[in-house]
Amino acid sequence: MQQTTSTSGSLRAASRARAAEIAGEITEITGEIEYLTERLSRLRHSVHVLRSEADALERLLSVDPASILPTEIVSDILVHALPAYPICPPLAGKSSPTQLTHVCRKWREIALSTPSLWRAITIRLRRDKSWDLDFVQTWLRRSGSCPLSL
């Protein structure tokens, strides 16, 4: 019976030792979980901050720089894009005020409301082209009260 008691006592001692070991491991793992939870929280915050910055940059990059310029500045730029007055720009194609109206809606609105873009025109009279008259009338109407170079 004494052997059973000593076996039982050593088993209890071993069990207590193992229980203490387990408690130590649990404490260690719990500490590691707390550290990793805090680290994960900081990393998530960093990702949130970086995403916010990336979104702000994307919004900034998606804005056409010309669209934030004042109308008067864009108008001046468009006037300087044409041949110097009184040289008459071509009626269509490159270096023509009509070409500037095809870039974007804002440029079209600005070009159509900038009479100095339309102050010079070359008129070639042809008997068989009735659309030329409409085109010239439109051009002259767009020139407003600017002095004309024909």
N, C-alpha and C. Protein backbone atom coordinates (compact mmCIF):
# COMPACT_ATOMS: atom_id res chain seq x y z
N MET A 1 0.80 -1.17 0.00
CA MET A 1 0.00 0.00 0.00
C MET A 1 0.86 1.26 0.00
N GLN A 2 1.98 1.11 0.64
CA GLN A 2 2.89 2.23 0.69
C GLN A 2 3.40 2.54 -0.72
N GLN A 3 3.60 1.51 -1.51
CA GLN A 3 4.07 1.73 -2.86
C GLN A 3 2.98 2.42 -3.68
N THR A 4 1.76 2.09 -3.45
CA THR A 4 0.68 2.72 -4.15
C THR A 4 0.61 4.18 -3.76
N THR A 5 0.83 4.48 -2.50
CA THR A 5 0.80 5.85 -2.04
C THR A 5 1.96 6.62 -2.63
N SER A 6 3.14 6.00 -2.67
CA SER A 6 4.28 6.71 -3.23
C SER A 6 4.13 6.87 -4.74
N THR A 7 3.55 5.87 -5.41
CA THR A 7 3.31 5.99 -6.84
C THR A 7 2.26 7.07 -7.07
N SER A 8 1.26 7.07 -6.23
CA SER A 8 0.23 8.07 -6.35
C SER A 8 0.80 9.45 -6.07
N GLY A 9 1.69 9.57 -5.10
CA GLY A 9 2.32 10.85 -4.77
C GLY A 9 3.22 11.33 -5.89
N SER A 10 4.01 10.40 -6.49
CA SER A 10 4.89 10.82 -7.58
C SER A 10 4.08 11.18 -8.83
N LEU A 11 2.98 10.47 -9.01
CA LEU A 11 2.10 10.80 -10.14
C LEU A 11 1.49 12.18 -9.94
N ARG A 12 1.13 12.46 -8.69
CA ARG A 12 0.58 13.78 -8.40
C ARG A 12 1.64 14.86 -8.59
N ALA A 13 2.82 14.59 -8.16
CA ALA A 13 3.91 15.56 -8.31
C ALA A 13 4.20 15.80 -9.79
N ALA A 14 4.22 14.72 -10.56
CA ALA A 14 4.47 14.85 -12.00
C ALA A 14 3.32 15.62 -12.66
N SER A 15 2.11 15.33 -12.21
CA SER A 15 0.95 16.02 -12.77
C SER A 15 0.98 17.50 -12.42
N ARG A 16 1.38 17.80 -11.16
CA ARG A 16 1.50 19.21 -10.76
C ARG A 16 2.58 19.91 -11.59
N ALA A 17 3.68 19.23 -11.79
CA ALA A 17 4.77 19.81 -12.57
C ALA A 17 4.31 20.06 -14.01
N ARG A 18 3.62 19.07 -14.54
CA ARG A 18 3.12 19.24 -15.92
C ARG A 18 2.08 20.35 -15.98
N ALA A 19 1.20 20.43 -14.99
CA ALA A 19 0.19 21.49 -14.94
C ALA A 19 0.87 22.85 -14.86
N ALA A 20 1.94 22.95 -14.08
CA ALA A 20 2.69 24.22 -13.99
C ALA A 20 3.33 24.54 -15.33
N GLU A 21 3.87 23.51 -15.98
CA GLU A 21 4.46 23.69 -17.32
C GLU A 21 3.41 24.21 -18.30
N ILE A 22 2.25 23.56 -18.28
CA ILE A 22 1.16 23.95 -19.17
C ILE A 22 0.72 25.38 -18.88
N ALA A 23 0.59 25.72 -17.61
CA ALA A 23 0.20 27.09 -17.24
C ALA A 23 1.23 28.09 -17.75
N GLY A 24 2.52 27.74 -17.65
CA GLY A 24 3.58 28.62 -18.16
C GLY A 24 3.49 28.78 -19.67
N GLU A 25 3.24 27.66 -20.36
CA GLU A 25 3.10 27.72 -21.82
C GLU A 25 1.89 28.56 -22.22
N ILE A 26 0.78 28.36 -21.48
CA ILE A 26 -0.43 29.14 -21.76
C ILE A 26 -0.15 30.63 -21.57
N THR A 27 0.54 30.97 -20.49
CA THR A 27 0.89 32.37 -20.23
C THR A 27 1.77 32.92 -21.35
N GLU A 28 2.75 32.12 -21.75
CA GLU A 28 3.65 32.55 -22.83
C GLU A 28 2.89 32.74 -24.15
N ILE A 29 2.05 31.77 -24.48
CA ILE A 29 1.28 31.84 -25.73
C ILE A 29 0.29 33.00 -25.67
N THR A 30 -0.36 33.19 -24.52
CA THR A 30 -1.30 34.30 -24.37
C THR A 30 -0.58 35.64 -24.56
N GLY A 31 0.62 35.76 -24.00
CA GLY A 31 1.41 36.98 -24.20
C GLY A 31 1.76 37.19 -25.66
N GLU A 32 2.13 36.09 -26.32
CA GLU A 32 2.45 36.19 -27.75
C GLU A 32 1.22 36.59 -28.56
N ILE A 33 0.06 36.03 -28.22
CA ILE A 33 -1.19 36.38 -28.91
C ILE A 33 -1.49 37.86 -28.71
N GLU A 34 -1.33 38.36 -27.48
CA GLU A 34 -1.57 39.78 -27.21
C GLU A 34 -0.62 40.65 -28.03
N TYR A 35 0.67 40.25 -28.08
CA TYR A 35 1.65 41.00 -28.87
C TYR A 35 1.25 41.00 -30.35
N LEU A 36 0.92 39.80 -30.86
CA LEU A 36 0.56 39.70 -32.28
C LEU A 36 -0.74 40.43 -32.59
N THR A 37 -1.69 40.41 -31.65
CA THR A 37 -2.94 41.15 -31.84
C THR A 37 -2.66 42.64 -31.95
N GLU A 38 -1.80 43.14 -31.05
CA GLU A 38 -1.42 44.56 -31.10
C GLU A 38 -0.67 44.87 -32.39
N ARG A 39 0.24 43.99 -32.77
CA ARG A 39 1.01 44.18 -34.01
C ARG A 39 0.07 44.18 -35.22
N LEU A 40 -0.89 43.25 -35.24
CA LEU A 40 -1.87 43.17 -36.32
C LEU A 40 -2.70 44.45 -36.38
N SER A 41 -3.07 44.97 -35.23
CA SER A 41 -3.84 46.22 -35.18
C SER A 41 -3.03 47.37 -35.77
N ARG A 42 -1.74 47.45 -35.40
CA ARG A 42 -0.88 48.52 -35.95
C ARG A 42 -0.70 48.36 -37.46
N LEU A 43 -0.53 47.13 -37.91
CA LEU A 43 -0.38 46.89 -39.36
C LEU A 43 -1.66 47.24 -40.11
N ARG A 44 -2.81 46.91 -39.55
CA ARG A 44 -4.08 47.27 -40.19
C ARG A 44 -4.23 48.78 -40.27
N HIS A 45 -3.82 49.46 -39.20
CA HIS A 45 -3.88 50.93 -39.21
C HIS A 45 -2.95 51.48 -40.29
N SER A 46 -1.75 50.92 -40.40
CA SER A 46 -0.80 51.37 -41.44
C SER A 46 -1.39 51.16 -42.83
N VAL A 47 -2.03 50.03 -43.05
CA VAL A 47 -2.66 49.75 -44.35
C VAL A 47 -3.76 50.77 -44.61
N HIS A 48 -4.56 51.08 -43.59
CA HIS A 48 -5.65 52.06 -43.74
C HIS A 48 -5.08 53.43 -44.12
N VAL A 49 -4.02 53.85 -43.43
CA VAL A 49 -3.40 55.15 -43.72
C VAL A 49 -2.85 55.17 -45.15
N LEU A 50 -2.17 54.10 -45.54
CA LEU A 50 -1.59 54.04 -46.89
C LEU A 50 -2.68 54.00 -47.96
N ARG A 51 -3.77 53.27 -47.71
CA ARG A 51 -4.87 53.24 -48.68
C ARG A 51 -5.51 54.62 -48.82
N SER A 52 -5.66 55.31 -47.70
CA SER A 52 -6.23 56.67 -47.76
C SER A 52 -5.33 57.58 -48.58
N GLU A 53 -4.03 57.48 -48.37
CA GLU A 53 -3.08 58.30 -49.14
C GLU A 53 -3.12 57.93 -50.62
N ALA A 54 -3.16 56.62 -50.90
CA ALA A 54 -3.21 56.16 -52.29
C ALA A 54 -4.49 56.64 -52.97
N ASP A 55 -5.61 56.59 -52.25
CA ASP A 55 -6.88 57.07 -52.82
C ASP A 55 -6.81 58.57 -53.11
N ALA A 56 -6.21 59.33 -52.19
CA ALA A 56 -6.08 60.77 -52.40
C ALA A 56 -5.21 61.06 -53.61
N LEU A 57 -4.11 60.31 -53.75
CA LEU A 57 -3.23 60.49 -54.91
C LEU A 57 -3.95 60.11 -56.20
N GLU A 58 -4.72 59.04 -56.15
CA GLU A 58 -5.46 58.61 -57.34
C GLU A 58 -6.47 59.67 -57.76
N ARG A 59 -7.15 60.26 -56.76
CA ARG A 59 -8.10 61.34 -57.09
C ARG A 59 -7.35 62.53 -57.69
N LEU A 60 -6.19 62.85 -57.14
CA LEU A 60 -5.40 63.97 -57.65
C LEU A 60 -4.94 63.69 -59.08
N LEU A 61 -4.49 62.47 -59.33
CA LEU A 61 -4.00 62.12 -60.66
C LEU A 61 -5.12 62.01 -61.68
N SER A 62 -6.33 61.73 -61.22
CA SER A 62 -7.44 61.58 -62.17
C SER A 62 -7.99 62.92 -62.64
N VAL A 63 -7.60 63.99 -61.98
CA VAL A 63 -8.06 65.32 -62.38
C VAL A 63 -7.15 65.83 -63.50
N ASP A 64 -7.76 66.19 -64.60
CA ASP A 64 -7.01 66.77 -65.71
C ASP A 64 -6.52 68.15 -65.30
N PRO A 65 -5.20 68.39 -65.32
CA PRO A 65 -4.69 69.69 -64.88
C PRO A 65 -5.33 70.86 -65.63
N ALA A 66 -5.62 70.66 -66.89
CA ALA A 66 -6.23 71.75 -67.67
C ALA A 66 -7.64 72.07 -67.17
N SER A 67 -8.29 71.09 -66.56
CA SER A 67 -9.67 71.33 -66.11
C SER A 67 -9.73 72.20 -64.87
N ILE A 68 -8.62 72.35 -64.17
CA ILE A 68 -8.65 73.19 -62.97
C ILE A 68 -8.11 74.59 -63.24
N LEU A 69 -7.64 74.82 -64.47
CA LEU A 69 -7.18 76.17 -64.83
C LEU A 69 -8.38 77.09 -65.02
N PRO A 70 -8.24 78.34 -64.64
CA PRO A 70 -9.33 79.29 -64.89
C PRO A 70 -9.59 79.43 -66.39
N THR A 71 -10.82 79.70 -66.73
CA THR A 71 -11.24 79.83 -68.13
C THR A 71 -10.39 80.84 -68.88
N GLU A 72 -10.07 81.96 -68.24
CA GLU A 72 -9.29 83.01 -68.90
C GLU A 72 -7.90 82.50 -69.30
N ILE A 73 -7.29 81.68 -68.44
CA ILE A 73 -5.96 81.13 -68.74
C ILE A 73 -6.05 80.17 -69.92
N VAL A 74 -7.04 79.28 -69.89
CA VAL A 74 -7.21 78.33 -71.00
C VAL A 74 -7.48 79.09 -72.29
N SER A 75 -8.28 80.14 -72.22
CA SER A 75 -8.58 80.95 -73.40
C SER A 75 -7.29 81.55 -73.97
N ASP A 76 -6.45 82.11 -73.10
CA ASP A 76 -5.16 82.67 -73.56
C ASP A 76 -4.29 81.59 -74.18
N ILE A 77 -4.26 80.42 -73.58
CA ILE A 77 -3.46 79.31 -74.12
C ILE A 77 -3.97 78.94 -75.51
N LEU A 78 -5.27 78.86 -75.67
CA LEU A 78 -5.84 78.51 -76.98
C LEU A 78 -5.51 79.56 -78.03
N VAL A 79 -5.57 80.83 -77.65
CA VAL A 79 -5.23 81.91 -78.60
C VAL A 79 -3.78 81.78 -79.03
N HIS A 80 -2.90 81.45 -78.08
CA HIS A 80 -1.47 81.32 -78.41
C HIS A 80 -1.16 80.04 -79.17
N ALA A 81 -2.10 79.11 -79.20
CA ALA A 81 -1.89 77.87 -79.96
C ALA A 81 -2.08 78.08 -81.46
N LEU A 82 -2.70 79.19 -81.82
CA LEU A 82 -2.96 79.49 -83.24
C LEU A 82 -1.84 80.36 -83.81
N PRO A 83 -1.77 80.44 -85.14
CA PRO A 83 -0.80 81.35 -85.75
C PRO A 83 -1.03 82.78 -85.24
N ALA A 84 0.04 83.53 -85.12
CA ALA A 84 -0.05 84.90 -84.58
C ALA A 84 -0.93 85.77 -85.48
N TYR A 85 -1.82 86.53 -84.85
CA TYR A 85 -2.69 87.45 -85.56
C TYR A 85 -1.83 88.51 -86.23
N PRO A 86 -2.05 88.92 -87.43
CA PRO A 86 -3.22 88.75 -88.29
C PRO A 86 -3.13 87.58 -89.25
N ILE A 87 -2.18 86.67 -89.07
CA ILE A 87 -2.12 85.51 -89.97
C ILE A 87 -3.40 84.70 -89.80
N CYS A 88 -3.98 84.31 -90.90
CA CYS A 88 -5.23 83.56 -90.86
C CYS A 88 -4.93 82.07 -90.66
N PRO A 89 -5.53 81.48 -89.64
CA PRO A 89 -5.33 80.04 -89.44
C PRO A 89 -6.12 79.27 -90.49
N PRO A 90 -5.79 78.01 -90.70
CA PRO A 90 -6.60 77.22 -91.63
C PRO A 90 -8.02 77.07 -91.09
N LEU A 91 -8.96 76.83 -91.97
CA LEU A 91 -10.36 76.69 -91.56
C LEU A 91 -10.59 75.38 -90.81
N ALA A 92 -9.81 74.38 -91.12
CA ALA A 92 -9.97 73.08 -90.46
C ALA A 92 -8.59 72.43 -90.31
N GLY A 93 -8.52 71.41 -89.48
CA GLY A 93 -7.27 70.68 -89.29
C GLY A 93 -6.36 71.32 -88.26
N LYS A 94 -5.11 70.88 -88.30
CA LYS A 94 -4.11 71.35 -87.34
C LYS A 94 -3.96 72.87 -87.43
N SER A 95 -3.78 73.50 -86.29
CA SER A 95 -3.64 74.97 -86.18
C SER A 95 -4.94 75.71 -86.49
N SER A 96 -6.05 75.02 -86.45
CA SER A 96 -7.35 75.66 -86.70
C SER A 96 -8.11 75.79 -85.39
N PRO A 97 -8.84 76.89 -85.21
CA PRO A 97 -9.68 77.00 -84.02
C PRO A 97 -10.69 75.86 -83.92
N THR A 98 -11.15 75.37 -85.07
CA THR A 98 -12.12 74.27 -85.03
C THR A 98 -11.49 73.01 -84.41
N GLN A 99 -10.21 72.81 -84.62
CA GLN A 99 -9.52 71.65 -84.04
C GLN A 99 -9.52 71.74 -82.51
N LEU A 100 -9.39 72.96 -81.99
CA LEU A 100 -9.38 73.15 -80.54
C LEU A 100 -10.72 72.80 -79.90
N THR A 101 -11.78 72.86 -80.68
CA THR A 101 -13.11 72.54 -80.13
C THR A 101 -13.34 71.03 -80.01
N HIS A 102 -12.40 70.23 -80.49
CA HIS A 102 -12.55 68.77 -80.47
C HIS A 102 -11.74 68.10 -79.37
N VAL A 103 -11.07 68.88 -78.54
CA VAL A 103 -10.21 68.30 -77.49
C VAL A 103 -11.05 67.74 -76.35
N CYS A 104 -11.88 68.57 -75.77
CA CYS A 104 -12.76 68.15 -74.68
C CYS A 104 -13.90 69.16 -74.57
N ARG A 105 -14.89 68.82 -73.77
CA ARG A 105 -16.07 69.68 -73.64
C ARG A 105 -15.68 71.07 -73.13
N LYS A 106 -14.80 71.12 -72.11
CA LYS A 106 -14.43 72.42 -71.54
C LYS A 106 -13.73 73.28 -72.59
N TRP A 107 -12.80 72.69 -73.34
CA TRP A 107 -12.09 73.46 -74.37
C TRP A 107 -13.07 73.92 -75.44
N ARG A 108 -14.03 73.08 -75.77
CA ARG A 108 -15.01 73.47 -76.79
C ARG A 108 -15.78 74.70 -76.32
N GLU A 109 -16.27 74.64 -75.08
CA GLU A 109 -17.03 75.77 -74.54
C GLU A 109 -16.17 77.04 -74.51
N ILE A 110 -14.93 76.89 -74.10
CA ILE A 110 -14.04 78.06 -74.01
C ILE A 110 -13.72 78.59 -75.40
N ALA A 111 -13.39 77.68 -76.33
CA ALA A 111 -13.05 78.12 -77.69
C ALA A 111 -14.23 78.83 -78.35
N LEU A 112 -15.42 78.30 -78.17
CA LEU A 112 -16.59 78.91 -78.80
C LEU A 112 -16.95 80.25 -78.17
N SER A 113 -16.49 80.48 -76.95
CA SER A 113 -16.80 81.76 -76.28
C SER A 113 -15.59 82.70 -76.25
N THR A 114 -14.58 82.40 -77.06
CA THR A 114 -13.39 83.27 -77.16
C THR A 114 -13.35 83.87 -78.55
N PRO A 115 -13.93 85.06 -78.74
CA PRO A 115 -14.01 85.67 -80.08
C PRO A 115 -12.64 85.85 -80.75
N SER A 116 -11.60 86.10 -79.98
CA SER A 116 -10.29 86.35 -80.60
C SER A 116 -9.74 85.12 -81.32
N LEU A 117 -10.25 83.93 -81.03
CA LEU A 117 -9.84 82.74 -81.78
C LEU A 117 -10.36 82.78 -83.21
N TRP A 118 -11.43 83.52 -83.42
CA TRP A 118 -12.14 83.52 -84.70
C TRP A 118 -11.96 84.84 -85.45
N ARG A 119 -10.97 85.63 -85.08
CA ARG A 119 -10.82 86.98 -85.64
C ARG A 119 -10.12 87.02 -87.00
N ALA A 120 -9.62 85.89 -87.47
CA ALA A 120 -8.96 85.86 -88.78
C ALA A 120 -9.50 84.67 -89.57
N ILE A 121 -9.79 84.91 -90.84
CA ILE A 121 -10.35 83.85 -91.68
C ILE A 121 -9.92 84.07 -93.13
N THR A 122 -9.65 82.98 -93.79
CA THR A 122 -9.38 83.01 -95.22
C THR A 122 -10.65 82.54 -95.92
N ILE A 123 -11.15 83.36 -96.82
CA ILE A 123 -12.39 83.01 -97.53
C ILE A 123 -12.05 82.75 -98.99
N ARG A 124 -12.39 81.56 -99.43
CA ARG A 124 -12.23 81.21 -100.84
C ARG A 124 -13.63 81.00 -101.40
N LEU A 125 -14.00 81.84 -102.31
CA LEU A 125 -15.35 81.76 -102.87
C LEU A 125 -15.41 80.69 -103.95
N ARG A 126 -16.40 79.84 -103.83
CA ARG A 126 -16.63 78.79 -104.82
C ARG A 126 -18.12 78.75 -105.12
N ARG A 127 -18.43 78.57 -106.33
CA ARG A 127 -19.84 78.57 -106.73
C ARG A 127 -20.57 77.30 -106.29
N ASP A 128 -19.87 76.20 -106.25
CA ASP A 128 -20.54 74.92 -105.99
C ASP A 128 -20.58 74.53 -104.51
N LYS A 129 -20.13 75.35 -103.61
CA LYS A 129 -20.07 74.97 -102.19
C LYS A 129 -20.95 75.87 -101.35
N SER A 130 -22.21 75.50 -101.19
CA SER A 130 -23.12 76.32 -100.39
C SER A 130 -22.78 76.22 -98.90
N TRP A 131 -22.17 75.11 -98.48
CA TRP A 131 -21.83 74.98 -97.06
C TRP A 131 -20.76 75.98 -96.66
N ASP A 132 -19.95 76.45 -97.60
CA ASP A 132 -18.92 77.44 -97.28
C ASP A 132 -19.55 78.70 -96.68
N LEU A 133 -20.69 79.11 -97.22
CA LEU A 133 -21.36 80.31 -96.72
C LEU A 133 -21.80 80.10 -95.27
N ASP A 134 -22.40 78.95 -94.98
CA ASP A 134 -22.80 78.65 -93.60
C ASP A 134 -21.59 78.63 -92.67
N PHE A 135 -20.53 78.01 -93.14
CA PHE A 135 -19.30 77.91 -92.34
C PHE A 135 -18.74 79.30 -92.04
N VAL A 136 -18.67 80.14 -93.06
CA VAL A 136 -18.15 81.51 -92.89
C VAL A 136 -19.05 82.31 -91.96
N GLN A 137 -20.36 82.16 -92.11
CA GLN A 137 -21.28 82.88 -91.21
C GLN A 137 -21.09 82.45 -89.76
N THR A 138 -20.93 81.16 -89.55
CA THR A 138 -20.69 80.66 -88.19
C THR A 138 -19.38 81.23 -87.64
N TRP A 139 -18.33 81.21 -88.47
CA TRP A 139 -17.02 81.74 -88.07
C TRP A 139 -17.14 83.21 -87.68
N LEU A 140 -17.81 83.99 -88.53
CA LEU A 140 -17.96 85.43 -88.27
C LEU A 140 -18.79 85.68 -87.01
N ARG A 141 -19.81 84.87 -86.79
CA ARG A 141 -20.63 85.02 -85.57
C ARG A 141 -19.77 84.74 -84.33
N ARG A 142 -18.90 83.75 -84.41
CA ARG A 142 -18.03 83.42 -83.27
C ARG A 142 -17.01 84.52 -83.00
N SER A 143 -16.65 85.28 -84.03
CA SER A 143 -15.65 86.35 -83.85
C SER A 143 -16.20 87.52 -83.05
N GLY A 144 -17.50 87.57 -82.89
CA GLY A 144 -18.12 88.63 -82.09
C GLY A 144 -17.78 90.00 -82.63
N SER A 145 -17.33 90.89 -81.76
CA SER A 145 -17.03 92.26 -82.17
C SER A 145 -15.53 92.48 -82.39
N CYS A 146 -14.75 91.39 -82.48
CA CYS A 146 -13.31 91.54 -82.72
C CYS A 146 -13.06 92.08 -84.12
N PRO A 147 -12.02 92.90 -84.29
CA PRO A 147 -11.63 93.31 -85.64
C PRO A 147 -11.21 92.06 -86.42
N LEU A 148 -11.57 92.00 -87.68
CA LEU A 148 -11.31 90.81 -88.48
C LEU A 148 -10.14 90.99 -89.42
N SER A 149 -9.46 89.89 -89.66
CA SER A 149 -8.44 89.84 -90.70
C SER A 149 -8.95 88.82 -91.72
N LEU A 150 -9.17 89.30 -92.95
CA LEU A 150 -9.71 88.42 -93.99
C LEU A 150 -8.64 88.13 -95.02
